[in-house]
N, C-alpha and C. Protein backbone atom coordinates (compact mmCIF):
# COMPACT_ATOMS: atom_id res chain seq x y z
N UNK A 1 5.03 38.52 37.94
CA UNK A 1 4.90 37.07 38.10
C UNK A 1 4.60 36.38 36.77
N UNK A 2 3.76 37.02 35.95
CA UNK A 2 3.41 36.44 34.66
C UNK A 2 4.64 36.37 33.75
N UNK A 3 5.48 37.41 33.82
CA UNK A 3 6.66 37.42 32.97
C UNK A 3 7.62 36.32 33.35
N UNK A 4 7.67 35.96 34.69
CA UNK A 4 8.56 34.90 35.12
C UNK A 4 8.11 33.54 34.59
N UNK A 5 6.81 33.38 34.40
CA UNK A 5 6.27 32.11 33.90
C UNK A 5 6.46 31.94 32.40
N UNK A 6 6.72 33.03 31.71
CA UNK A 6 6.91 32.95 30.27
C UNK A 6 8.28 32.33 29.96
N UNK A 7 8.35 31.45 28.93
CA UNK A 7 9.65 30.87 28.57
C UNK A 7 10.57 31.94 28.01
N UNK A 8 11.85 31.78 28.30
CA UNK A 8 12.84 32.73 27.80
C UNK A 8 13.06 32.51 26.31
N UNK A 9 13.76 33.44 25.68
CA UNK A 9 14.06 33.30 24.26
C UNK A 9 14.87 32.05 23.98
N UNK A 10 15.79 31.73 24.90
CA UNK A 10 16.62 30.54 24.73
C UNK A 10 15.78 29.28 24.78
N UNK A 11 14.80 29.26 25.72
CA UNK A 11 13.93 28.11 25.82
C UNK A 11 13.05 27.96 24.58
N UNK A 12 12.53 29.07 24.10
CA UNK A 12 11.71 29.04 22.89
C UNK A 12 12.52 28.54 21.70
N UNK A 13 13.77 29.00 21.59
CA UNK A 13 14.64 28.55 20.50
C UNK A 13 14.91 27.06 20.59
N UNK A 14 15.13 26.57 21.83
CA UNK A 14 15.38 25.13 22.02
C UNK A 14 14.16 24.32 21.64
N UNK A 15 12.98 24.79 22.02
CA UNK A 15 11.73 24.10 21.66
C UNK A 15 11.55 24.05 20.16
N UNK A 16 11.86 25.15 19.48
CA UNK A 16 11.73 25.20 18.02
C UNK A 16 12.71 24.24 17.35
N UNK A 17 13.92 24.14 17.89
CA UNK A 17 14.93 23.24 17.33
C UNK A 17 14.49 21.79 17.50
N UNK A 18 13.99 21.46 18.71
CA UNK A 18 13.53 20.09 18.96
C UNK A 18 12.37 19.73 18.03
N UNK A 19 11.44 20.66 17.86
CA UNK A 19 10.30 20.43 16.98
C UNK A 19 10.75 20.27 15.53
N UNK A 20 11.74 21.07 15.13
CA UNK A 20 12.27 20.97 13.76
C UNK A 20 12.89 19.60 13.51
N UNK A 21 13.65 19.09 14.49
CA UNK A 21 14.25 17.77 14.37
C UNK A 21 13.18 16.68 14.33
N UNK A 22 12.10 16.86 15.12
CA UNK A 22 11.02 15.89 15.12
C UNK A 22 10.34 15.83 13.76
N UNK A 23 10.08 17.02 13.19
CA UNK A 23 9.45 17.06 11.86
C UNK A 23 10.35 16.45 10.80
N UNK A 24 11.66 16.66 10.95
CA UNK A 24 12.59 16.11 9.98
C UNK A 24 12.60 14.59 10.06
N UNK A 25 12.53 14.03 11.29
CA UNK A 25 12.51 12.58 11.45
C UNK A 25 11.23 11.98 10.87
N UNK A 26 10.12 12.68 11.07
CA UNK A 26 8.86 12.22 10.49
C UNK A 26 8.94 12.23 8.96
N UNK A 27 9.53 13.29 8.41
CA UNK A 27 9.68 13.38 6.95
C UNK A 27 10.55 12.26 6.43
N UNK A 28 11.61 11.94 7.17
CA UNK A 28 12.49 10.84 6.76
C UNK A 28 11.74 9.50 6.83
N UNK A 29 10.89 9.36 7.84
CA UNK A 29 10.11 8.12 7.97
C UNK A 29 9.13 7.97 6.82
N UNK A 30 8.59 9.09 6.33
CA UNK A 30 7.59 9.04 5.27
C UNK A 30 8.21 8.90 3.89
N UNK A 31 9.43 9.40 3.72
CA UNK A 31 9.91 9.56 2.35
C UNK A 31 10.23 8.25 1.65
N UNK A 32 10.34 7.15 2.37
CA UNK A 32 10.55 5.85 1.75
C UNK A 32 9.25 5.04 1.70
N UNK A 33 8.12 5.74 1.72
CA UNK A 33 6.82 5.07 1.63
C UNK A 33 6.72 4.24 0.35
N UNK A 34 7.40 4.68 -0.69
CA UNK A 34 7.39 3.96 -1.95
C UNK A 34 7.91 2.54 -1.85
N UNK A 35 8.71 2.26 -0.80
CA UNK A 35 9.23 0.89 -0.63
C UNK A 35 8.10 -0.11 -0.43
N UNK A 36 7.03 0.32 0.24
CA UNK A 36 5.88 -0.56 0.42
C UNK A 36 5.22 -0.87 -0.92
N UNK A 37 5.12 0.16 -1.77
CA UNK A 37 4.54 -0.05 -3.10
C UNK A 37 5.39 -0.98 -3.94
N UNK A 38 6.70 -0.79 -3.87
CA UNK A 38 7.62 -1.64 -4.64
C UNK A 38 7.48 -3.09 -4.19
N UNK A 39 7.40 -3.29 -2.87
CA UNK A 39 7.25 -4.65 -2.33
C UNK A 39 5.97 -5.30 -2.84
N UNK A 40 4.81 -4.60 -2.69
CA UNK A 40 3.55 -5.20 -3.11
C UNK A 40 3.43 -5.30 -4.62
N UNK A 41 4.08 -4.39 -5.34
CA UNK A 41 4.11 -4.51 -6.79
C UNK A 41 4.81 -5.78 -7.22
N UNK A 42 5.93 -6.09 -6.56
CA UNK A 42 6.66 -7.32 -6.87
C UNK A 42 5.84 -8.55 -6.48
N UNK A 43 5.18 -8.49 -5.30
CA UNK A 43 4.35 -9.61 -4.85
C UNK A 43 3.23 -9.88 -5.85
N UNK A 44 2.52 -8.83 -6.26
CA UNK A 44 1.41 -8.99 -7.20
C UNK A 44 1.89 -9.44 -8.57
N UNK A 45 3.01 -8.89 -9.03
CA UNK A 45 3.57 -9.28 -10.32
C UNK A 45 3.87 -10.77 -10.35
N UNK A 46 4.57 -11.26 -9.32
CA UNK A 46 4.90 -12.68 -9.25
C UNK A 46 3.63 -13.52 -9.12
N UNK A 47 2.66 -13.02 -8.33
CA UNK A 47 1.42 -13.75 -8.13
C UNK A 47 0.64 -13.96 -9.43
N UNK A 48 0.50 -12.90 -10.20
CA UNK A 48 -0.25 -13.02 -11.47
C UNK A 48 0.50 -13.87 -12.49
N UNK A 49 1.82 -13.78 -12.51
CA UNK A 49 2.60 -14.60 -13.44
C UNK A 49 2.47 -16.08 -13.07
N UNK A 50 2.61 -16.40 -11.78
CA UNK A 50 2.47 -17.79 -11.34
C UNK A 50 1.05 -18.30 -11.57
N UNK A 51 0.06 -17.43 -11.38
CA UNK A 51 -1.33 -17.83 -11.64
C UNK A 51 -1.51 -18.23 -13.09
N UNK A 52 -0.95 -17.44 -13.99
CA UNK A 52 -1.04 -17.75 -15.42
C UNK A 52 -0.35 -19.07 -15.75
N UNK A 53 0.82 -19.28 -15.16
CA UNK A 53 1.57 -20.51 -15.42
C UNK A 53 0.80 -21.73 -14.92
N UNK A 54 0.29 -21.67 -13.68
CA UNK A 54 -0.42 -22.82 -13.12
C UNK A 54 -1.76 -23.06 -13.83
N UNK A 55 -2.39 -21.99 -14.32
CA UNK A 55 -3.62 -22.17 -15.08
C UNK A 55 -3.36 -22.94 -16.36
N UNK A 56 -2.27 -22.60 -17.03
CA UNK A 56 -1.93 -23.30 -18.28
C UNK A 56 -1.54 -24.75 -18.02
N UNK A 57 -0.98 -25.02 -16.83
CA UNK A 57 -0.60 -26.39 -16.47
C UNK A 57 -1.77 -27.16 -15.88
N UNK A 58 -2.88 -26.46 -15.61
CA UNK A 58 -4.05 -27.11 -15.03
C UNK A 58 -3.92 -27.39 -13.54
N UNK A 59 -2.97 -26.75 -12.88
CA UNK A 59 -2.77 -26.97 -11.43
C UNK A 59 -3.46 -25.85 -10.65
N UNK A 60 -4.78 -25.95 -10.56
CA UNK A 60 -5.57 -24.88 -9.95
C UNK A 60 -5.43 -24.84 -8.43
N UNK A 61 -5.14 -25.98 -7.82
CA UNK A 61 -4.92 -25.98 -6.37
C UNK A 61 -3.67 -25.17 -6.01
N UNK A 62 -2.69 -25.18 -6.89
CA UNK A 62 -1.46 -24.44 -6.62
C UNK A 62 -1.70 -22.94 -6.62
N UNK A 63 -2.71 -22.48 -7.39
CA UNK A 63 -3.02 -21.05 -7.44
C UNK A 63 -3.47 -20.55 -6.07
N UNK A 64 -4.26 -21.38 -5.38
CA UNK A 64 -4.71 -21.00 -4.04
C UNK A 64 -3.53 -20.78 -3.12
N UNK A 65 -2.56 -21.70 -3.18
CA UNK A 65 -1.38 -21.59 -2.33
C UNK A 65 -0.53 -20.38 -2.69
N UNK A 66 -0.51 -20.04 -3.97
CA UNK A 66 0.24 -18.84 -4.39
C UNK A 66 -0.29 -17.61 -3.67
N UNK A 67 -1.62 -17.48 -3.61
CA UNK A 67 -2.23 -16.28 -3.02
C UNK A 67 -2.38 -16.38 -1.51
N UNK A 68 -1.94 -17.49 -0.93
CA UNK A 68 -1.80 -17.58 0.52
C UNK A 68 -0.36 -17.24 0.93
N UNK A 69 0.58 -17.82 0.20
CA UNK A 69 2.00 -17.66 0.56
C UNK A 69 2.51 -16.25 0.25
N UNK A 70 2.20 -15.74 -0.95
CA UNK A 70 2.75 -14.44 -1.34
C UNK A 70 2.27 -13.28 -0.46
N UNK A 71 0.96 -13.16 -0.17
CA UNK A 71 0.56 -12.08 0.75
C UNK A 71 1.18 -12.21 2.14
N UNK A 72 1.41 -13.46 2.59
CA UNK A 72 2.09 -13.66 3.87
C UNK A 72 3.51 -13.12 3.82
N UNK A 73 4.20 -13.41 2.72
CA UNK A 73 5.55 -12.85 2.53
C UNK A 73 5.49 -11.34 2.49
N UNK A 74 4.44 -10.80 1.85
CA UNK A 74 4.28 -9.35 1.77
C UNK A 74 4.10 -8.72 3.13
N UNK A 75 3.29 -9.34 3.99
CA UNK A 75 3.06 -8.81 5.34
C UNK A 75 4.35 -8.84 6.16
N UNK A 76 5.12 -9.90 6.02
CA UNK A 76 6.42 -9.97 6.71
C UNK A 76 7.33 -8.86 6.21
N UNK A 77 7.32 -8.64 4.88
CA UNK A 77 8.13 -7.58 4.30
C UNK A 77 7.74 -6.20 4.81
N UNK A 78 6.42 -5.97 4.95
CA UNK A 78 5.93 -4.69 5.49
C UNK A 78 6.47 -4.46 6.89
N UNK A 79 6.43 -5.50 7.72
CA UNK A 79 6.94 -5.39 9.09
C UNK A 79 8.43 -5.08 9.10
N UNK A 80 9.19 -5.75 8.23
CA UNK A 80 10.64 -5.52 8.17
C UNK A 80 10.97 -4.11 7.71
N UNK A 81 10.25 -3.62 6.69
CA UNK A 81 10.47 -2.26 6.21
C UNK A 81 10.15 -1.25 7.29
N UNK A 82 9.03 -1.46 7.99
CA UNK A 82 8.62 -0.53 9.05
C UNK A 82 9.63 -0.50 10.19
N UNK A 83 10.08 -1.67 10.62
CA UNK A 83 11.07 -1.74 11.70
C UNK A 83 12.37 -1.07 11.28
N UNK A 84 12.80 -1.33 10.05
CA UNK A 84 14.04 -0.73 9.55
C UNK A 84 13.95 0.79 9.49
N UNK A 85 12.81 1.31 8.99
CA UNK A 85 12.63 2.75 8.92
C UNK A 85 12.58 3.39 10.31
N UNK A 86 11.91 2.70 11.25
CA UNK A 86 11.81 3.22 12.61
C UNK A 86 13.18 3.28 13.28
N UNK A 87 14.01 2.26 13.04
CA UNK A 87 15.36 2.26 13.61
C UNK A 87 16.21 3.38 13.04
N UNK A 88 16.05 3.64 11.74
CA UNK A 88 16.87 4.67 11.10
C UNK A 88 16.47 6.07 11.53
N UNK A 89 15.18 6.31 11.61
CA UNK A 89 14.70 7.68 11.84
C UNK A 89 14.34 7.96 13.30
N UNK A 90 14.21 6.88 14.12
CA UNK A 90 13.78 7.03 15.52
C UNK A 90 12.41 7.71 15.62
N UNK A 91 11.61 7.54 14.59
CA UNK A 91 10.29 8.19 14.56
C UNK A 91 9.31 7.27 13.86
N UNK A 92 8.07 7.29 14.32
CA UNK A 92 7.02 6.49 13.69
C UNK A 92 6.10 7.38 12.87
N UNK A 93 5.36 6.73 11.98
CA UNK A 93 4.34 7.47 11.23
C UNK A 93 3.32 8.05 12.21
N UNK A 94 3.05 9.35 12.15
CA UNK A 94 1.97 9.88 12.98
C UNK A 94 0.63 9.26 12.60
N UNK A 95 0.48 8.91 11.30
CA UNK A 95 -0.78 8.34 10.81
C UNK A 95 -0.77 6.82 10.83
N UNK A 96 0.32 6.23 11.39
CA UNK A 96 0.48 4.79 11.32
C UNK A 96 -0.68 3.99 11.88
N UNK A 97 -1.21 4.42 13.03
CA UNK A 97 -2.31 3.70 13.66
C UNK A 97 -3.55 3.75 12.80
N UNK A 98 -3.81 4.90 12.17
CA UNK A 98 -4.99 5.04 11.31
C UNK A 98 -4.85 4.20 10.05
N UNK A 99 -3.65 4.15 9.51
CA UNK A 99 -3.40 3.32 8.33
C UNK A 99 -3.60 1.84 8.68
N UNK A 100 -3.13 1.45 9.86
CA UNK A 100 -3.33 0.08 10.33
C UNK A 100 -4.81 -0.25 10.42
N UNK A 101 -5.60 0.67 10.97
CA UNK A 101 -7.04 0.46 11.08
C UNK A 101 -7.70 0.36 9.71
N UNK A 102 -7.23 1.17 8.76
CA UNK A 102 -7.77 1.12 7.40
C UNK A 102 -7.64 -0.28 6.81
N UNK A 103 -6.42 -0.85 6.91
CA UNK A 103 -6.17 -2.14 6.27
C UNK A 103 -6.84 -3.29 7.01
N UNK A 104 -6.87 -3.21 8.33
CA UNK A 104 -7.58 -4.24 9.10
C UNK A 104 -9.07 -4.22 8.74
N UNK A 105 -9.64 -3.03 8.63
CA UNK A 105 -11.06 -2.90 8.29
C UNK A 105 -11.33 -3.43 6.89
N UNK A 106 -10.47 -3.12 5.94
CA UNK A 106 -10.67 -3.58 4.56
C UNK A 106 -10.59 -5.10 4.47
N UNK A 107 -9.64 -5.70 5.17
CA UNK A 107 -9.53 -7.16 5.17
C UNK A 107 -10.78 -7.78 5.79
N UNK A 108 -11.20 -7.22 6.92
CA UNK A 108 -12.37 -7.73 7.63
C UNK A 108 -13.62 -7.67 6.76
N UNK A 109 -13.89 -6.49 6.19
CA UNK A 109 -15.09 -6.34 5.38
C UNK A 109 -14.98 -7.05 4.03
N UNK A 110 -13.76 -7.19 3.54
CA UNK A 110 -13.57 -7.95 2.31
C UNK A 110 -14.01 -9.39 2.46
N UNK A 111 -13.62 -10.01 3.57
CA UNK A 111 -14.02 -11.39 3.82
C UNK A 111 -15.52 -11.48 4.10
N UNK A 112 -16.09 -10.46 4.76
CA UNK A 112 -17.54 -10.46 4.99
C UNK A 112 -18.29 -10.42 3.65
N UNK A 113 -17.86 -9.54 2.76
CA UNK A 113 -18.51 -9.43 1.45
C UNK A 113 -18.40 -10.75 0.68
N UNK A 114 -17.20 -11.33 0.71
CA UNK A 114 -16.98 -12.60 0.01
C UNK A 114 -17.84 -13.71 0.61
N UNK A 115 -17.95 -13.74 1.95
CA UNK A 115 -18.75 -14.75 2.62
C UNK A 115 -20.24 -14.59 2.29
N UNK A 116 -20.69 -13.34 2.23
CA UNK A 116 -22.09 -13.08 1.89
C UNK A 116 -22.40 -13.54 0.47
N UNK A 117 -21.45 -13.29 -0.45
CA UNK A 117 -21.64 -13.73 -1.84
C UNK A 117 -21.76 -15.25 -1.91
N UNK A 118 -20.88 -15.96 -1.16
CA UNK A 118 -20.94 -17.42 -1.15
C UNK A 118 -22.21 -17.91 -0.47
N UNK A 119 -22.64 -17.21 0.57
CA UNK A 119 -23.83 -17.60 1.32
C UNK A 119 -25.09 -17.47 0.48
N UNK A 120 -25.10 -16.52 -0.47
CA UNK A 120 -26.27 -16.32 -1.33
C UNK A 120 -26.54 -17.55 -2.20
N UNK A 121 -25.50 -18.31 -2.46
CA UNK A 121 -25.69 -19.59 -3.13
C UNK A 121 -25.82 -19.51 -4.63
N UNK A 122 -26.75 -18.72 -5.12
CA UNK A 122 -27.01 -18.68 -6.56
C UNK A 122 -26.06 -17.74 -7.29
N UNK A 123 -25.11 -17.15 -6.56
CA UNK A 123 -24.12 -16.27 -7.18
C UNK A 123 -22.75 -16.93 -7.08
N UNK A 124 -22.10 -17.07 -8.19
CA UNK A 124 -20.76 -17.65 -8.20
C UNK A 124 -19.80 -16.71 -8.92
N UNK A 125 -18.59 -16.61 -8.38
CA UNK A 125 -17.57 -15.74 -8.95
C UNK A 125 -16.48 -16.58 -9.59
N UNK A 126 -16.04 -16.15 -10.76
CA UNK A 126 -14.89 -16.82 -11.37
C UNK A 126 -13.60 -16.19 -10.83
N UNK A 127 -12.48 -16.72 -11.28
CA UNK A 127 -11.19 -16.26 -10.77
C UNK A 127 -10.94 -14.79 -10.99
N UNK A 128 -11.32 -14.29 -12.17
CA UNK A 128 -11.11 -12.88 -12.49
C UNK A 128 -11.94 -11.99 -11.57
N UNK A 129 -13.19 -12.39 -11.33
CA UNK A 129 -14.07 -11.58 -10.48
C UNK A 129 -13.59 -11.55 -9.03
N UNK A 130 -13.11 -12.68 -8.54
CA UNK A 130 -12.55 -12.72 -7.17
C UNK A 130 -11.32 -11.82 -7.09
N UNK A 131 -10.48 -11.91 -8.10
CA UNK A 131 -9.28 -11.08 -8.13
C UNK A 131 -9.63 -9.60 -8.13
N UNK A 132 -10.63 -9.22 -8.94
CA UNK A 132 -11.04 -7.82 -9.01
C UNK A 132 -11.65 -7.35 -7.69
N UNK A 133 -12.39 -8.23 -7.02
CA UNK A 133 -13.02 -7.87 -5.75
C UNK A 133 -11.97 -7.48 -4.72
N UNK A 134 -11.00 -8.36 -4.49
CA UNK A 134 -10.01 -8.11 -3.44
C UNK A 134 -8.99 -7.05 -3.86
N UNK A 135 -8.65 -7.02 -5.16
CA UNK A 135 -7.69 -6.02 -5.62
C UNK A 135 -8.27 -4.61 -5.45
N UNK A 136 -9.53 -4.44 -5.81
CA UNK A 136 -10.12 -3.10 -5.73
C UNK A 136 -10.44 -2.68 -4.29
N UNK A 137 -10.66 -3.64 -3.40
CA UNK A 137 -10.73 -3.30 -1.98
C UNK A 137 -9.38 -2.76 -1.50
N UNK A 138 -8.31 -3.41 -1.97
CA UNK A 138 -6.97 -2.94 -1.61
C UNK A 138 -6.71 -1.56 -2.20
N UNK A 139 -7.17 -1.33 -3.42
CA UNK A 139 -6.95 -0.02 -4.05
C UNK A 139 -7.74 1.08 -3.33
N UNK A 140 -8.89 0.71 -2.78
CA UNK A 140 -9.63 1.67 -1.96
C UNK A 140 -8.81 2.05 -0.73
N UNK A 141 -8.06 1.08 -0.21
CA UNK A 141 -7.15 1.37 0.89
C UNK A 141 -6.08 2.37 0.50
N UNK A 142 -5.55 2.26 -0.72
CA UNK A 142 -4.54 3.21 -1.18
C UNK A 142 -5.14 4.60 -1.37
N UNK A 143 -6.39 4.66 -1.79
CA UNK A 143 -7.05 5.97 -1.92
C UNK A 143 -7.18 6.62 -0.54
N UNK A 144 -7.58 5.84 0.45
CA UNK A 144 -7.70 6.37 1.80
C UNK A 144 -6.33 6.79 2.35
N UNK A 145 -5.30 6.01 2.06
CA UNK A 145 -3.95 6.40 2.48
C UNK A 145 -3.51 7.68 1.80
N UNK A 146 -3.93 7.84 0.54
CA UNK A 146 -3.58 9.06 -0.18
C UNK A 146 -4.15 10.30 0.47
N UNK A 147 -5.33 10.17 1.10
CA UNK A 147 -5.92 11.30 1.81
C UNK A 147 -5.03 11.72 2.97
N UNK A 148 -4.39 10.73 3.62
CA UNK A 148 -3.55 11.01 4.77
C UNK A 148 -2.13 11.42 4.40
N UNK A 149 -1.56 10.76 3.39
CA UNK A 149 -0.13 10.93 3.11
C UNK A 149 0.19 11.74 1.86
N UNK A 150 -0.58 11.57 0.81
CA UNK A 150 -0.26 12.29 -0.42
C UNK A 150 -1.09 11.80 -1.59
N UNK A 151 -1.39 12.70 -2.50
CA UNK A 151 -2.29 12.38 -3.62
C UNK A 151 -1.73 11.31 -4.53
N UNK A 152 -0.40 11.12 -4.53
CA UNK A 152 0.19 10.13 -5.43
C UNK A 152 -0.34 8.72 -5.12
N UNK A 153 -0.48 8.41 -3.83
CA UNK A 153 -1.01 7.09 -3.46
C UNK A 153 -2.45 6.91 -3.94
N UNK A 154 -3.25 7.96 -3.80
CA UNK A 154 -4.63 7.90 -4.26
C UNK A 154 -4.70 7.71 -5.77
N UNK A 155 -3.85 8.40 -6.50
CA UNK A 155 -3.84 8.28 -7.96
C UNK A 155 -3.44 6.87 -8.40
N UNK A 156 -2.49 6.27 -7.68
CA UNK A 156 -2.09 4.90 -7.99
C UNK A 156 -3.26 3.95 -7.76
N UNK A 157 -3.98 4.13 -6.65
CA UNK A 157 -5.13 3.28 -6.36
C UNK A 157 -6.22 3.41 -7.39
N UNK A 158 -6.55 4.65 -7.76
CA UNK A 158 -7.63 4.88 -8.73
C UNK A 158 -7.25 4.35 -10.11
N UNK A 159 -6.03 4.64 -10.55
CA UNK A 159 -5.60 4.19 -11.89
C UNK A 159 -5.54 2.68 -11.98
N UNK A 160 -5.06 2.02 -10.92
CA UNK A 160 -5.00 0.56 -10.92
C UNK A 160 -6.40 -0.03 -10.96
N UNK A 161 -7.34 0.56 -10.23
CA UNK A 161 -8.72 0.07 -10.25
C UNK A 161 -9.33 0.17 -11.64
N UNK A 162 -9.17 1.33 -12.27
CA UNK A 162 -9.73 1.54 -13.60
C UNK A 162 -9.14 0.54 -14.60
N UNK A 163 -7.82 0.40 -14.58
CA UNK A 163 -7.14 -0.50 -15.52
C UNK A 163 -7.52 -1.95 -15.26
N UNK A 164 -7.67 -2.33 -13.99
CA UNK A 164 -8.02 -3.72 -13.67
C UNK A 164 -9.42 -4.07 -14.17
N UNK A 165 -10.37 -3.14 -14.01
CA UNK A 165 -11.73 -3.37 -14.48
C UNK A 165 -11.76 -3.48 -16.01
N UNK A 166 -11.01 -2.62 -16.68
CA UNK A 166 -10.93 -2.68 -18.14
C UNK A 166 -10.35 -4.01 -18.60
N UNK A 167 -9.33 -4.49 -17.89
CA UNK A 167 -8.75 -5.79 -18.23
C UNK A 167 -9.76 -6.91 -18.01
N UNK A 168 -10.53 -6.81 -16.92
CA UNK A 168 -11.53 -7.83 -16.64
C UNK A 168 -12.64 -7.86 -17.67
N UNK A 169 -12.93 -6.70 -18.28
CA UNK A 169 -14.00 -6.62 -19.27
C UNK A 169 -13.54 -7.00 -20.67
N UNK A 170 -12.33 -6.55 -21.05
CA UNK A 170 -11.92 -6.66 -22.45
C UNK A 170 -10.70 -7.54 -22.69
N UNK A 171 -9.99 -7.92 -21.63
CA UNK A 171 -8.78 -8.73 -21.82
C UNK A 171 -8.82 -9.98 -20.95
N UNK A 172 -9.95 -10.66 -20.94
CA UNK A 172 -10.10 -11.80 -20.04
C UNK A 172 -9.12 -12.93 -20.35
N UNK A 173 -8.82 -13.14 -21.61
CA UNK A 173 -7.89 -14.21 -21.98
C UNK A 173 -6.47 -13.91 -21.53
N UNK A 174 -6.17 -12.62 -21.41
CA UNK A 174 -4.81 -12.22 -21.02
C UNK A 174 -4.82 -11.46 -19.69
N UNK A 175 -5.84 -11.74 -18.87
CA UNK A 175 -6.05 -10.96 -17.65
C UNK A 175 -4.84 -11.00 -16.73
N UNK A 176 -4.32 -12.18 -16.44
CA UNK A 176 -3.21 -12.30 -15.50
C UNK A 176 -1.94 -11.61 -16.00
N UNK A 177 -1.66 -11.77 -17.27
CA UNK A 177 -0.46 -11.13 -17.84
C UNK A 177 -0.63 -9.61 -17.86
N UNK A 178 -1.85 -9.16 -18.20
CA UNK A 178 -2.10 -7.72 -18.22
C UNK A 178 -2.00 -7.13 -16.82
N UNK A 179 -2.53 -7.83 -15.82
CA UNK A 179 -2.47 -7.34 -14.45
C UNK A 179 -1.05 -7.35 -13.92
N UNK A 180 -0.26 -8.33 -14.32
CA UNK A 180 1.15 -8.36 -13.92
C UNK A 180 1.86 -7.11 -14.44
N UNK A 181 1.58 -6.75 -15.70
CA UNK A 181 2.19 -5.56 -16.29
C UNK A 181 1.71 -4.29 -15.60
N UNK A 182 0.41 -4.22 -15.31
CA UNK A 182 -0.15 -3.05 -14.63
C UNK A 182 0.49 -2.86 -13.26
N UNK A 183 0.60 -3.94 -12.50
CA UNK A 183 1.21 -3.85 -11.16
C UNK A 183 2.69 -3.47 -11.24
N UNK A 184 3.34 -3.95 -12.29
CA UNK A 184 4.75 -3.60 -12.49
C UNK A 184 4.90 -2.10 -12.71
N UNK A 185 4.00 -1.53 -13.50
CA UNK A 185 4.09 -0.11 -13.83
C UNK A 185 3.59 0.77 -12.69
N UNK A 186 2.38 0.48 -12.19
CA UNK A 186 1.76 1.38 -11.20
C UNK A 186 2.41 1.26 -9.83
N UNK A 187 2.65 0.04 -9.37
CA UNK A 187 3.19 -0.13 -8.02
C UNK A 187 4.70 0.06 -7.97
N UNK A 188 5.43 -0.69 -8.77
CA UNK A 188 6.89 -0.59 -8.71
C UNK A 188 7.35 0.75 -9.28
N UNK A 189 6.81 1.11 -10.46
CA UNK A 189 7.16 2.41 -11.03
C UNK A 189 6.72 3.56 -10.14
N UNK A 190 5.47 3.45 -9.61
CA UNK A 190 4.96 4.48 -8.72
C UNK A 190 5.74 4.56 -7.43
N UNK A 191 6.21 3.41 -6.93
CA UNK A 191 7.00 3.40 -5.70
C UNK A 191 8.31 4.14 -5.86
N UNK A 192 9.01 3.89 -6.96
CA UNK A 192 10.26 4.61 -7.22
C UNK A 192 10.00 6.11 -7.41
N UNK A 193 8.90 6.43 -8.08
CA UNK A 193 8.55 7.84 -8.30
C UNK A 193 8.28 8.55 -6.98
N UNK A 194 7.49 7.91 -6.10
CA UNK A 194 7.17 8.51 -4.81
C UNK A 194 8.42 8.68 -3.96
N UNK A 195 9.27 7.66 -3.94
CA UNK A 195 10.51 7.78 -3.17
C UNK A 195 11.35 8.96 -3.64
N UNK A 196 11.45 9.11 -4.95
CA UNK A 196 12.26 10.20 -5.50
C UNK A 196 11.61 11.55 -5.25
N UNK A 197 10.30 11.66 -5.51
CA UNK A 197 9.63 12.94 -5.37
C UNK A 197 9.56 13.39 -3.93
N UNK A 198 9.18 12.47 -3.02
CA UNK A 198 9.06 12.84 -1.61
C UNK A 198 10.42 13.11 -0.98
N UNK A 199 11.47 12.44 -1.49
CA UNK A 199 12.82 12.70 -0.98
C UNK A 199 13.24 14.12 -1.34
N UNK A 200 12.98 14.52 -2.59
CA UNK A 200 13.31 15.89 -3.02
C UNK A 200 12.49 16.91 -2.26
N UNK A 201 11.19 16.60 -2.01
CA UNK A 201 10.32 17.51 -1.28
C UNK A 201 10.82 17.71 0.15
N UNK A 202 11.23 16.59 0.78
CA UNK A 202 11.70 16.69 2.15
C UNK A 202 13.01 17.43 2.25
N UNK A 203 13.90 17.25 1.25
CA UNK A 203 15.18 17.96 1.26
C UNK A 203 14.98 19.46 1.10
N UNK A 204 13.96 19.84 0.31
CA UNK A 204 13.71 21.27 0.09
C UNK A 204 13.07 21.94 1.30
N UNK A 205 12.33 21.15 2.10
CA UNK A 205 11.65 21.73 3.26
C UNK A 205 12.46 21.63 4.55
N UNK A 206 13.48 20.78 4.55
CA UNK A 206 14.26 20.58 5.77
C UNK A 206 15.32 21.66 5.92
């Protein structure tokens, strides 16, 4: 009776084939992760360049709108990339829900920290300090994503944090231009690197 309940060799082979296809679809879904980095690298690059331009023109109200509109465009872009990848691969990120929770938590606590700073009253942040606060919260998100997906994301987060703090300390007059260059190199360059490396890795394992 026990032998009858055991799956046959054909059934076991079919299960292995189905599982192999599932893993391949997951790998395909992951291998274009760099597209998200390229998108946000472009968003940040444009944001810092426009910030520098509006600062020189004295249009400080326009800077606020830049950092409202561009992240909104970025979020729409993330949704479009995710939907496109899901349609192509018919598979979702296994870690997708956890990544979603990471970013929601970071946004939530980021605003709490900022609100507490404003509530203290006697503490005021300049533009560079506000930029460093939210940028490094985002980089902490990339470090956490790196734990789930790959060390390359963590390295991008850590290197961007270090470089941003150095710019804030020693390149305050050129902070926006320096950050635009950093985002161009770490995010866009890192995105293309991850896409290429993970694509080769997936091809070798599939």
